Amino acid sequence: MQRPPRDIAPSDQTLTPYDREHAVTYMRMLEVDAECADWRVVAEIVLRINPKREPQRARRAYETYLARAKWMTSTTLAELVFATVLHGLVYCSMRSVAMAAEE
């Protein structure tokens, strides 16, 4: 299972292991941005930060993750897609193992 996102997205000039691990989070950020979703809803659902209790932390996380997601689309889209596909394959593979163990 994926760990919860950090408070601030990485700012490295290359894709990091953390970015690869959270590829789905970045994809969700791009999706909700395209839908013009309210940042508070995104912070709570995607980033798991309550914007009512921690508005500054939630807003900062939202802004840094969205900026990182947009950066990725302009510089490392192929790597991001690969990471997402790999994440899905690993999840499916782990699920298959778990199901086989139950039989």
PDB file of N, CA and C in Angstrom:
ATOM      1  N   MET A   1       0.839  -1.189   0.000  1.00  0.00           N
ATOM      2  CA  MET A   1       0.000   0.000   0.000  1.00  0.00           C
ATOM      3  C   MET A   1       0.879   1.245   0.000  1.00  0.00           C
ATOM      4  N   GLN A   2       0.443   2.221  -0.739  1.00  0.00           N
ATOM      5  CA  GLN A   2       1.199   3.464  -0.862  1.00  0.00           C
ATOM      6  C   GLN A   2       1.139   4.262   0.441  1.00  0.00           C
ATOM      7  N   ARG A   3       2.288   4.788   0.839  1.00  0.00           N
ATOM      8  CA  ARG A   3       2.335   5.652   2.023  1.00  0.00           C
ATOM      9  C   ARG A   3       1.626   6.964   1.724  1.00  0.00           C
ATOM     10  N   PRO A   4       1.092   7.629   2.763  1.00  0.00           N
ATOM     11  CA  PRO A   4       0.466   8.934   2.524  1.00  0.00           C
ATOM     12  C   PRO A   4       1.488   9.927   1.972  1.00  0.00           C
ATOM     13  N   PRO A   5       1.023  10.868   1.165  1.00  0.00           N
ATOM     14  CA  PRO A   5       1.938  11.872   0.623  1.00  0.00           C
ATOM     15  C   PRO A   5       2.565  12.725   1.725  1.00  0.00           C
ATOM     16  N   ARG A   6       3.766  13.205   1.454  1.00  0.00           N
ATOM     17  CA  ARG A   6       4.433  14.145   2.361  1.00  0.00           C
ATOM     18  C   ARG A   6       3.732  15.492   2.295  1.00  0.00           C
ATOM     19  N   ASP A   7       4.114  16.386   3.176  1.00  0.00           N
ATOM     20  CA  ASP A   7       3.512  17.724   3.186  1.00  0.00           C
ATOM     21  C   ASP A   7       3.877  18.541   1.953  1.00  0.00           C
ATOM     22  N   ILE A   8       5.056  18.311   1.418  1.00  0.00           N
ATOM     23  CA  ILE A   8       5.532  19.065   0.256  1.00  0.00           C
ATOM     24  C   ILE A   8       6.097  18.075  -0.758  1.00  0.00           C
ATOM     25  N   ALA A   9       5.745  18.265  -2.008  1.00  0.00           N
ATOM     26  CA  ALA A   9       6.273  17.407  -3.069  1.00  0.00           C
ATOM     27  C   ALA A   9       7.756  17.685  -3.270  1.00  0.00           C
ATOM     28  N   PRO A  10       8.509  16.704  -3.773  1.00  0.00           N
ATOM     29  CA  PRO A  10       9.928  16.934  -4.054  1.00  0.00           C
ATOM     30  C   PRO A  10      10.110  18.068  -5.074  1.00  0.00           C
ATOM     31  N   SER A  11      11.290  18.656  -5.061  1.00  0.00           N
ATOM     32  CA  SER A  11      11.574  19.724  -6.025  1.00  0.00           C
ATOM     33  C   SER A  11      12.849  19.428  -6.818  1.00  0.00           C
ATOM     34  N   ASP A  12      13.310  18.182  -6.755  1.00  0.00           N
ATOM     35  CA  ASP A  12      14.504  17.779  -7.507  1.00  0.00           C
ATOM     36  C   ASP A  12      14.287  18.007  -9.006  1.00  0.00           C
ATOM     37  N   GLN A  13      15.368  18.133  -9.731  1.00  0.00           N
ATOM     38  CA  GLN A  13      15.279  18.336 -11.175  1.00  0.00           C
ATOM     39  C   GLN A  13      15.191  17.016 -11.950  1.00  0.00           C
ATOM     40  N   THR A  14      15.167  15.911 -11.222  1.00  0.00           N
ATOM     41  CA  THR A  14      14.984  14.596 -11.831  1.00  0.00           C
ATOM     42  C   THR A  14      13.888  13.862 -11.071  1.00  0.00           C
ATOM     43  N   LEU A  15      13.332  12.872 -11.712  1.00  0.00           N
ATOM     44  CA  LEU A  15      12.306  12.055 -11.079  1.00  0.00           C
ATOM     45  C   LEU A  15      12.935  11.270  -9.928  1.00  0.00           C
ATOM     46  N   THR A  16      12.306  11.280  -8.778  1.00  0.00           N
ATOM     47  CA  THR A  16      12.843  10.621  -7.589  1.00  0.00           C
ATOM     48  C   THR A  16      12.109   9.304  -7.328  1.00  0.00           C
ATOM     49  N   PRO A  17      12.684   8.448  -6.492  1.00  0.00           N
ATOM     50  CA  PRO A  17      11.954   7.234  -6.086  1.00  0.00           C
ATOM     51  C   PRO A  17      10.601   7.585  -5.443  1.00  0.00           C
ATOM     52  N   TYR A  18      10.564   8.671  -4.681  1.00  0.00           N
ATOM     53  CA  TYR A  18       9.311   9.117  -4.075  1.00  0.00           C
ATOM     54  C   TYR A  18       8.287   9.452  -5.164  1.00  0.00           C
ATOM     55  N   ASP A  19       8.731  10.142  -6.218  1.00  0.00           N
ATOM     56  CA  ASP A  19       7.827  10.471  -7.323  1.00  0.00           C
ATOM     57  C   ASP A  19       7.255   9.204  -7.943  1.00  0.00           C
ATOM     58  N   ARG A  20       8.105   8.229  -8.152  1.00  0.00           N
ATOM     59  CA  ARG A  20       7.650   6.971  -8.744  1.00  0.00           C
ATOM     60  C   ARG A  20       6.632   6.281  -7.842  1.00  0.00           C
ATOM     61  N   GLU A  21       6.897   6.293  -6.556  1.00  0.00           N
ATOM     62  CA  GLU A  21       5.989   5.664  -5.598  1.00  0.00           C
ATOM     63  C   GLU A  21       4.632   6.365  -5.572  1.00  0.00           C
ATOM     64  N   HIS A  22       4.631   7.674  -5.799  1.00  0.00           N
ATOM     65  CA  HIS A  22       3.399   8.459  -5.732  1.00  0.00           C
ATOM     66  C   HIS A  22       2.891   8.896  -7.100  1.00  0.00           C
ATOM     67  N   ALA A  23       3.218   8.137  -8.124  1.00  0.00           N
ATOM     68  CA  ALA A  23       2.792   8.469  -9.490  1.00  0.00           C
ATOM     69  C   ALA A  23       1.274   8.621  -9.581  1.00  0.00           C
ATOM     70  N   VAL A  24       0.544   7.766  -8.891  1.00  0.00           N
ATOM     71  CA  VAL A  24      -0.920   7.848  -8.930  1.00  0.00           C
ATOM     72  C   VAL A  24      -1.401   9.161  -8.326  1.00  0.00           C
ATOM     73  N   THR A  25      -0.755   9.624  -7.269  1.00  0.00           N
ATOM     74  CA  THR A  25      -1.120  10.903  -6.652  1.00  0.00           C
ATOM     75  C   THR A  25      -0.961  12.036  -7.663  1.00  0.00           C
ATOM     76  N   TYR A  26       0.157  12.034  -8.383  1.00  0.00           N
ATOM     77  CA  TYR A  26       0.384  13.081  -9.383  1.00  0.00           C
ATOM     78  C   TYR A  26      -0.649  13.009 -10.509  1.00  0.00           C
ATOM     79  N   MET A  27      -0.982  11.804 -10.922  1.00  0.00           N
ATOM     80  CA  MET A  27      -1.990  11.647 -11.979  1.00  0.00           C
ATOM     81  C   MET A  27      -3.342  12.180 -11.505  1.00  0.00           C
ATOM     82  N   ARG A  28      -3.679  11.902 -10.265  1.00  0.00           N
ATOM     83  CA  ARG A  28      -4.935  12.419  -9.705  1.00  0.00           C
ATOM     84  C   ARG A  28      -4.918  13.942  -9.643  1.00  0.00           C
ATOM     85  N   MET A  29      -3.773  14.513  -9.282  1.00  0.00           N
ATOM     86  CA  MET A  29      -3.662  15.969  -9.215  1.00  0.00           C
ATOM     87  C   MET A  29      -3.929  16.596 -10.576  1.00  0.00           C
ATOM     88  N   LEU A  30      -3.378  16.000 -11.630  1.00  0.00           N
ATOM     89  CA  LEU A  30      -3.605  16.515 -12.979  1.00  0.00           C
ATOM     90  C   LEU A  30      -5.068  16.363 -13.391  1.00  0.00           C
ATOM     91  N   GLU A  31      -5.658  15.247 -13.021  1.00  0.00           N
ATOM     92  CA  GLU A  31      -7.055  14.988 -13.358  1.00  0.00           C
ATOM     93  C   GLU A  31      -7.985  16.008 -12.705  1.00  0.00           C
ATOM     94  N   VAL A  32      -7.805  16.243 -11.411  1.00  0.00           N
ATOM     95  CA  VAL A  32      -8.685  17.181 -10.712  1.00  0.00           C
ATOM     96  C   VAL A  32      -8.420  18.622 -11.133  1.00  0.00           C
ATOM     97  N   ASP A  33      -7.182  18.919 -11.525  1.00  0.00           N
ATOM     98  CA  ASP A  33      -6.884  20.257 -12.036  1.00  0.00           C
ATOM     99  C   ASP A  33      -7.636  20.489 -13.341  1.00  0.00           C
ATOM    100  N   ALA A  34      -7.669  19.480 -14.196  1.00  0.00           N
ATOM    101  CA  ALA A  34      -8.380  19.602 -15.472  1.00  0.00           C
ATOM    102  C   ALA A  34      -9.886  19.767 -15.249  1.00  0.00           C
ATOM    103  N   GLU A  35     -10.375  19.219 -14.148  1.00  0.00           N
ATOM    104  CA  GLU A  35     -11.797  19.325 -13.820  1.00  0.00           C
ATOM    105  C   GLU A  35     -12.115  20.596 -13.020  1.00  0.00           C
ATOM    106  N   CYS A  36     -11.092  21.389 -12.726  1.00  0.00           N
ATOM    107  CA  CYS A  36     -11.244  22.620 -11.947  1.00  0.00           C
ATOM    108  C   CYS A  36     -11.849  22.354 -10.571  1.00  0.00           C
ATOM    109  N   ALA A  37     -11.441  21.267  -9.953  1.00  0.00           N
ATOM    110  CA  ALA A  37     -11.939  20.918  -8.617  1.00  0.00           C
ATOM    111  C   ALA A  37     -11.415  21.905  -7.577  1.00  0.00           C
ATOM    112  N   ASP A  38     -12.175  22.087  -6.533  1.00  0.00           N
ATOM    113  CA  ASP A  38     -11.791  22.961  -5.430  1.00  0.00           C
ATOM    114  C   ASP A  38     -10.549  22.384  -4.740  1.00  0.00           C
ATOM    115  N   TRP A  39      -9.563  23.216  -4.515  1.00  0.00           N
ATOM    116  CA  TRP A  39      -8.303  22.743  -3.935  1.00  0.00           C
ATOM    117  C   TRP A  39      -8.498  22.102  -2.563  1.00  0.00           C
ATOM    118  N   ARG A  40      -9.490  22.571  -1.805  1.00  0.00           N
ATOM    119  CA  ARG A  40      -9.731  22.021  -0.473  1.00  0.00           C
ATOM    120  C   ARG A  40     -10.211  20.569  -0.539  1.00  0.00           C
ATOM    121  N   VAL A  41     -11.047  20.286  -1.506  1.00  0.00           N
ATOM    122  CA  VAL A  41     -11.534  18.915  -1.695  1.00  0.00           C
ATOM    123  C   VAL A  41     -10.370  18.016  -2.111  1.00  0.00           C
ATOM    124  N   VAL A  42      -9.537  18.523  -3.006  1.00  0.00           N
ATOM    125  CA  VAL A  42      -8.379  17.761  -3.482  1.00  0.00           C
ATOM    126  C   VAL A  42      -7.413  17.487  -2.333  1.00  0.00           C
ATOM    127  N   ALA A  43      -7.140  18.485  -1.530  1.00  0.00           N
ATOM    128  CA  ALA A  43      -6.231  18.314  -0.396  1.00  0.00           C
ATOM    129  C   ALA A  43      -6.743  17.232   0.544  1.00  0.00           C
ATOM    130  N   GLU A  44      -8.034  17.238   0.785  1.00  0.00           N
ATOM    131  CA  GLU A  44      -8.598  16.268   1.729  1.00  0.00           C
ATOM    132  C   GLU A  44      -8.635  14.856   1.158  1.00  0.00           C
ATOM    133  N   ILE A  45      -9.045  14.720  -0.084  1.00  0.00           N
ATOM    134  CA  ILE A  45      -9.216  13.384  -0.669  1.00  0.00           C
ATOM    135  C   ILE A  45      -7.912  12.814  -1.214  1.00  0.00           C
ATOM    136  N   VAL A  46      -7.203  13.587  -2.001  1.00  0.00           N
ATOM    137  CA  VAL A  46      -5.991  13.076  -2.657  1.00  0.00           C
ATOM    138  C   VAL A  46      -4.777  13.128  -1.730  1.00  0.00           C
ATOM    139  N   LEU A  47      -4.608  14.250  -1.035  1.00  0.00           N
ATOM    140  CA  LEU A  47      -3.414  14.427  -0.209  1.00  0.00           C
ATOM    141  C   LEU A  47      -3.633  14.043   1.254  1.00  0.00           C
ATOM    142  N   ARG A  48      -4.870  13.761   1.610  1.00  0.00           N
ATOM    143  CA  ARG A  48      -5.223  13.305   2.961  1.00  0.00           C
ATOM    144  C   ARG A  48      -4.877  14.326   4.051  1.00  0.00           C
ATOM    145  N   ILE A  49      -5.136  15.597   3.747  1.00  0.00           N
ATOM    146  CA  ILE A  49      -4.909  16.680   4.713  1.00  0.00           C
ATOM    147  C   ILE A  49      -6.230  17.424   4.876  1.00  0.00           C
ATOM    148  N   ASN A  50      -6.669  17.601   6.098  1.00  0.00           N
ATOM    149  CA  ASN A  50      -7.919  18.294   6.365  1.00  0.00           C
ATOM    150  C   ASN A  50      -7.695  19.806   6.240  1.00  0.00           C
ATOM    151  N   PRO A  51      -8.275  20.436   5.218  1.00  0.00           N
ATOM    152  CA  PRO A  51      -8.049  21.872   5.015  1.00  0.00           C
ATOM    153  C   PRO A  51      -8.739  22.766   6.043  1.00  0.00           C
ATOM    154  N   LYS A  52      -9.718  22.220   6.737  1.00  0.00           N
ATOM    155  CA  LYS A  52     -10.376  23.026   7.778  1.00  0.00           C
ATOM    156  C   LYS A  52      -9.496  23.118   9.022  1.00  0.00           C
ATOM    157  N   ARG A  53      -8.817  22.011   9.336  1.00  0.00           N
ATOM    158  CA  ARG A  53      -7.947  22.006  10.520  1.00  0.00           C
ATOM    159  C   ARG A  53      -6.577  22.595  10.236  1.00  0.00           C
ATOM    160  N   GLU A  54      -6.072  22.369   9.025  1.00  0.00           N
ATOM    161  CA  GLU A  54      -4.719  22.809   8.666  1.00  0.00           C
ATOM    162  C   GLU A  54      -4.721  23.478   7.285  1.00  0.00           C
ATOM    163  N   PRO A  55      -5.334  24.657   7.174  1.00  0.00           N
ATOM    164  CA  PRO A  55      -5.475  25.295   5.864  1.00  0.00           C
ATOM    165  C   PRO A  55      -4.151  25.633   5.177  1.00  0.00           C
ATOM    166  N   GLN A  56      -3.171  26.113   5.916  1.00  0.00           N
ATOM    167  CA  GLN A  56      -1.891  26.475   5.294  1.00  0.00           C
ATOM    168  C   GLN A  56      -1.145  25.239   4.806  1.00  0.00           C
ATOM    169  N   ARG A  57      -1.116  24.208   5.638  1.00  0.00           N
ATOM    170  CA  ARG A  57      -0.448  22.958   5.258  1.00  0.00           C
ATOM    171  C   ARG A  57      -1.138  22.348   4.036  1.00  0.00           C
ATOM    172  N   ALA A  58      -2.461  22.346   4.029  1.00  0.00           N
ATOM    173  CA  ALA A  58      -3.222  21.772   2.927  1.00  0.00           C
ATOM    174  C   ALA A  58      -2.970  22.541   1.628  1.00  0.00           C
ATOM    175  N   ARG A  59      -2.997  23.860   1.717  1.00  0.00           N
ATOM    176  CA  ARG A  59      -2.789  24.689   0.521  1.00  0.00           C
ATOM    177  C   ARG A  59      -1.373  24.521  -0.024  1.00  0.00           C
ATOM    178  N   ARG A  60      -0.379  24.506   0.855  1.00  0.00           N
ATOM    179  CA  ARG A  60       1.017  24.333   0.433  1.00  0.00           C
ATOM    180  C   ARG A  60       1.210  22.967  -0.244  1.00  0.00           C
ATOM    181  N   ALA A  61       0.648  21.932   0.347  1.00  0.00           N
ATOM    182  CA  ALA A  61       0.758  20.593  -0.242  1.00  0.00           C
ATOM    183  C   ALA A  61       0.088  20.562  -1.608  1.00  0.00           C
ATOM    184  N   TYR A  62      -1.110  21.114  -1.693  1.00  0.00           N
ATOM    185  CA  TYR A  62      -1.832  21.152  -2.968  1.00  0.00           C
ATOM    186  C   TYR A  62      -1.001  21.849  -4.041  1.00  0.00           C
ATOM    187  N   GLU A  63      -0.479  23.007  -3.717  1.00  0.00           N
ATOM    188  CA  GLU A  63       0.290  23.774  -4.696  1.00  0.00           C
ATOM    189  C   GLU A  63       1.569  23.056  -5.132  1.00  0.00           C
ATOM    190  N   THR A  64       2.294  22.463  -4.176  1.00  0.00           N
ATOM    191  CA  THR A  64       3.556  21.812  -4.544  1.00  0.00           C
ATOM    192  C   THR A  64       3.319  20.523  -5.329  1.00  0.00           C
ATOM    193  N   TYR A  65       2.289  19.763  -4.969  1.00  0.00           N
ATOM    194  CA  TYR A  65       2.011  18.526  -5.711  1.00  0.00           C
ATOM    195  C   TYR A  65       1.494  18.819  -7.109  1.00  0.00           C
ATOM    196  N   LEU A  66       0.663  19.845  -7.246  1.00  0.00           N
ATOM    197  CA  LEU A  66       0.178  20.203  -8.575  1.00  0.00           C
ATOM    198  C   LEU A  66       1.320  20.718  -9.440  1.00  0.00           C
ATOM    199  N   ALA A  67       2.183  21.545  -8.874  1.00  0.00           N
ATOM    200  CA  ALA A  67       3.335  22.049  -9.625  1.00  0.00           C
ATOM    201  C   ALA A  67       4.245  20.904 -10.055  1.00  0.00           C
ATOM    202  N   ARG A  68       4.468  19.955  -9.155  1.00  0.00           N
ATOM    203  CA  ARG A  68       5.318  18.803  -9.481  1.00  0.00           C
ATOM    204  C   ARG A  68       4.677  17.958 -10.576  1.00  0.00           C
ATOM    205  N   ALA A  69       3.384  17.742 -10.484  1.00  0.00           N
ATOM    206  CA  ALA A  69       2.679  16.961 -11.508  1.00  0.00           C
ATOM    207  C   ALA A  69       2.791  17.632 -12.872  1.00  0.00           C
ATOM    208  N   LYS A  70       2.632  18.944 -12.913  1.00  0.00           N
ATOM    209  CA  LYS A  70       2.749  19.673 -14.187  1.00  0.00           C
ATOM    210  C   LYS A  70       4.180  19.631 -14.702  1.00  0.00           C
ATOM    211  N   TRP A  71       5.148  19.735 -13.801  1.00  0.00           N
ATOM    212  CA  TRP A  71       6.551  19.625 -14.203  1.00  0.00           C
ATOM    213  C   TRP A  71       6.810  18.272 -14.852  1.00  0.00           C
ATOM    214  N   MET A  72       6.267  17.242 -14.250  1.00  0.00           N
ATOM    215  CA  MET A  72       6.468  15.892 -14.786  1.00  0.00           C
ATOM    216  C   MET A  72       5.914  15.749 -16.200  1.00  0.00           C
ATOM    217  N   THR A  73       4.787  16.359 -16.451  1.00  0.00           N
ATOM    218  CA  THR A  73       4.204  16.222 -17.791  1.00  0.00           C
ATOM    219  C   THR A  73       5.058  16.908 -18.844  1.00  0.00           C
ATOM    220  N   SER A  74       5.803  17.899 -18.431  1.00  0.00           N
ATOM    221  CA  SER A  74       6.629  18.602 -19.416  1.00  0.00           C
ATOM    222  C   SER A  74       8.028  18.012 -19.550  1.00  0.00           C
ATOM    223  N   THR A  75       8.454  17.215 -18.559  1.00  0.00           N
ATOM    224  CA  THR A  75       9.832  16.727 -18.617  1.00  0.00           C
ATOM    225  C   THR A  75       9.986  15.217 -18.557  1.00  0.00           C
ATOM    226  N   THR A  76       9.103  14.538 -17.875  1.00  0.00           N
ATOM    227  CA  THR A  76       9.323  13.105 -17.666  1.00  0.00           C
ATOM    228  C   THR A  76       8.051  12.281 -17.822  1.00  0.00           C
ATOM    229  N   LEU A  77       7.225  12.626 -18.785  1.00  0.00           N
ATOM    230  CA  LEU A  77       5.959  11.932 -18.950  1.00  0.00           C
ATOM    231  C   LEU A  77       6.149  10.432 -19.171  1.00  0.00           C
ATOM    232  N   ALA A  78       7.111  10.058 -19.984  1.00  0.00           N
ATOM    233  CA  ALA A  78       7.315   8.630 -20.259  1.00  0.00           C
ATOM    234  C   ALA A  78       7.672   7.878 -18.981  1.00  0.00           C
ATOM    235  N   GLU A  79       8.519   8.458 -18.150  1.00  0.00           N
ATOM    236  CA  GLU A  79       8.888   7.803 -16.895  1.00  0.00           C
ATOM    237  C   GLU A  79       7.688   7.710 -15.954  1.00  0.00           C
ATOM    238  N   LEU A  80       6.868   8.746 -15.936  1.00  0.00           N
ATOM    239  CA  LEU A  80       5.696   8.747 -15.074  1.00  0.00           C
ATOM    240  C   LEU A  80       4.701   7.673 -15.507  1.00  0.00           C
ATOM    241  N   VAL A  81       4.471   7.576 -16.801  1.00  0.00           N
ATOM    242  CA  VAL A  81       3.561   6.551 -17.311  1.00  0.00           C
ATOM    243  C   VAL A  81       4.103   5.167 -16.970  1.00  0.00           C
ATOM    244  N   PHE A  82       5.385   4.973 -17.168  1.00  0.00           N
ATOM    245  CA  PHE A  82       6.001   3.695 -16.838  1.00  0.00           C
ATOM    246  C   PHE A  82       5.818   3.378 -15.355  1.00  0.00           C
ATOM    247  N   ALA A  83       6.047   4.352 -14.502  1.00  0.00           N
ATOM    248  CA  ALA A  83       5.906   4.140 -13.060  1.00  0.00           C
ATOM    249  C   ALA A  83       4.466   3.786 -12.708  1.00  0.00           C
ATOM    250  N   THR A  84       3.513   4.436 -13.357  1.00  0.00           N
ATOM    251  CA  THR A  84       2.104   4.160 -13.089  1.00  0.00           C
ATOM    252  C   THR A  84       1.739   2.750 -13.527  1.00  0.00           C
ATOM    253  N   VAL A  85       2.188   2.378 -14.709  1.00  0.00           N
ATOM    254  CA  VAL A  85       1.918   1.031 -15.208  1.00  0.00           C
ATOM    255  C   VAL A  85       2.577   0.006 -14.306  1.00  0.00           C
ATOM    256  N   LEU A  86       3.822   0.237 -13.936  1.00  0.00           N
ATOM    257  CA  LEU A  86       4.533  -0.678 -13.065  1.00  0.00           C
ATOM    258  C   LEU A  86       3.822  -0.799 -11.728  1.00  0.00           C
ATOM    259  N   HIS A  87       3.358   0.314 -11.173  1.00  0.00           N
ATOM    260  CA  HIS A  87       2.626   0.307  -9.909  1.00  0.00           C
ATOM    261  C   HIS A  87       1.385  -0.571 -10.039  1.00  0.00           C
ATOM    262  N   GLY A  88       0.670  -0.445 -11.138  1.00  0.00           N
ATOM    263  CA  GLY A  88      -0.522  -1.262 -11.374  1.00  0.00           C
ATOM    264  C   GLY A  88      -0.195  -2.732 -11.505  1.00  0.00           C
ATOM    265  N   LEU A  89       0.887  -3.046 -12.196  1.00  0.00           N
ATOM    266  CA  LEU A  89       1.286  -4.445 -12.360  1.00  0.00           C
ATOM    267  C   LEU A  89       1.700  -5.058 -11.037  1.00  0.00           C
ATOM    268  N   VAL A  90       2.429  -4.305 -10.235  1.00  0.00           N
ATOM    269  CA  VAL A  90       2.846  -4.807  -8.928  1.00  0.00           C
ATOM    270  C   VAL A  90       1.625  -5.044  -8.055  1.00  0.00           C
ATOM    271  N   TYR A  91       0.674  -4.114  -8.078  1.00  0.00           N
ATOM    272  CA  TYR A  91      -0.540  -4.265  -7.276  1.00  0.00           C
ATOM    273  C   TYR A  91      -1.312  -5.505  -7.716  1.00  0.00           C
ATOM    274  N   CYS A  92      -1.499  -5.670  -9.030  1.00  0.00           N
ATOM    275  CA  CYS A  92      -2.227  -6.833  -9.547  1.00  0.00           C
ATOM    276  C   CYS A  92      -1.503  -8.128  -9.190  1.00  0.00           C
ATOM    277  N   SER A  93      -0.199  -8.101  -9.304  1.00  0.00           N
ATOM    278  CA  SER A  93       0.594  -9.276  -9.000  1.00  0.00           C
ATOM    279  C   SER A  93       0.474  -9.647  -7.524  1.00  0.00           C
ATOM    280  N   MET A  94       0.540  -8.647  -6.648  1.00  0.00           N
ATOM    281  CA  MET A  94       0.429  -8.900  -5.208  1.00  0.00           C
ATOM    282  C   MET A  94      -0.965  -9.424  -4.874  1.00  0.00           C
ATOM    283  N   ARG A  95      -1.961  -8.884  -5.540  1.00  0.00           N
ATOM    284  CA  ARG A  95      -3.344  -9.308  -5.321  1.00  0.00           C
ATOM    285  C   ARG A  95      -3.538 -10.748  -5.762  1.00  0.00           C
ATOM    286  N   SER A  96      -2.930 -11.120  -6.882  1.00  0.00           N
ATOM    287  CA  SER A  96      -3.014 -12.494  -7.373  1.00  0.00           C
ATOM    288  C   SER A  96      -2.376 -13.458  -6.379  1.00  0.00           C
ATOM    289  N   VAL A  97      -1.242 -13.073  -5.828  1.00  0.00           N
ATOM    290  CA  VAL A  97      -0.561 -13.912  -4.837  1.00  0.00           C
ATOM    291  C   VAL A  97      -1.450 -14.083  -3.605  1.00  0.00           C
ATOM    292  N   ALA A  98      -2.058 -12.991  -3.151  1.00  0.00           N
ATOM    293  CA  ALA A  98      -2.916 -13.048  -1.972  1.00  0.00           C
ATOM    294  C   ALA A  98      -4.138 -13.941  -2.225  1.00  0.00           C
ATOM    295  N   MET A  99      -4.722 -13.827  -3.407  1.00  0.00           N
ATOM    296  CA  MET A  99      -5.887 -14.645  -3.745  1.00  0.00           C
ATOM    297  C   MET A  99      -5.512 -16.123  -3.829  1.00  0.00           C
ATOM    298  N   ALA A 100      -4.349 -16.402  -4.405  1.00  0.00           N
ATOM    299  CA  ALA A 100      -3.890 -17.790  -4.522  1.00  0.00           C
ATOM    300  C   ALA A 100      -3.636 -18.390  -3.132  1.00  0.00           C
ATOM    301  N   ALA A 101      -3.151 -17.565  -2.229  1.00  0.00           N
ATOM    302  CA  ALA A 101      -2.876 -18.040  -0.875  1.00  0.00           C
ATOM    303  C   ALA A 101      -4.163 -18.378  -0.132  1.00  0.00           C
ATOM    304  N   GLU A 102      -5.246 -17.703  -0.490  1.00  0.00           N
ATOM    305  CA  GLU A 102      -6.530 -17.944   0.162  1.00  0.00           C
ATOM    306  C   GLU A 102      -7.172 -19.245  -0.294  1.00  0.00           C
ATOM    307  N   GLU A 103      -6.784 -19.718  -1.478  1.00  0.00           N
ATOM    308  CA  GLU A 103      -7.395 -20.942  -2.041  1.00  0.00           C
ATOM    309  C   GLU A 103      -6.953 -22.185  -1.349  1.00  0.00           C
TER     310      GLU A 103
END
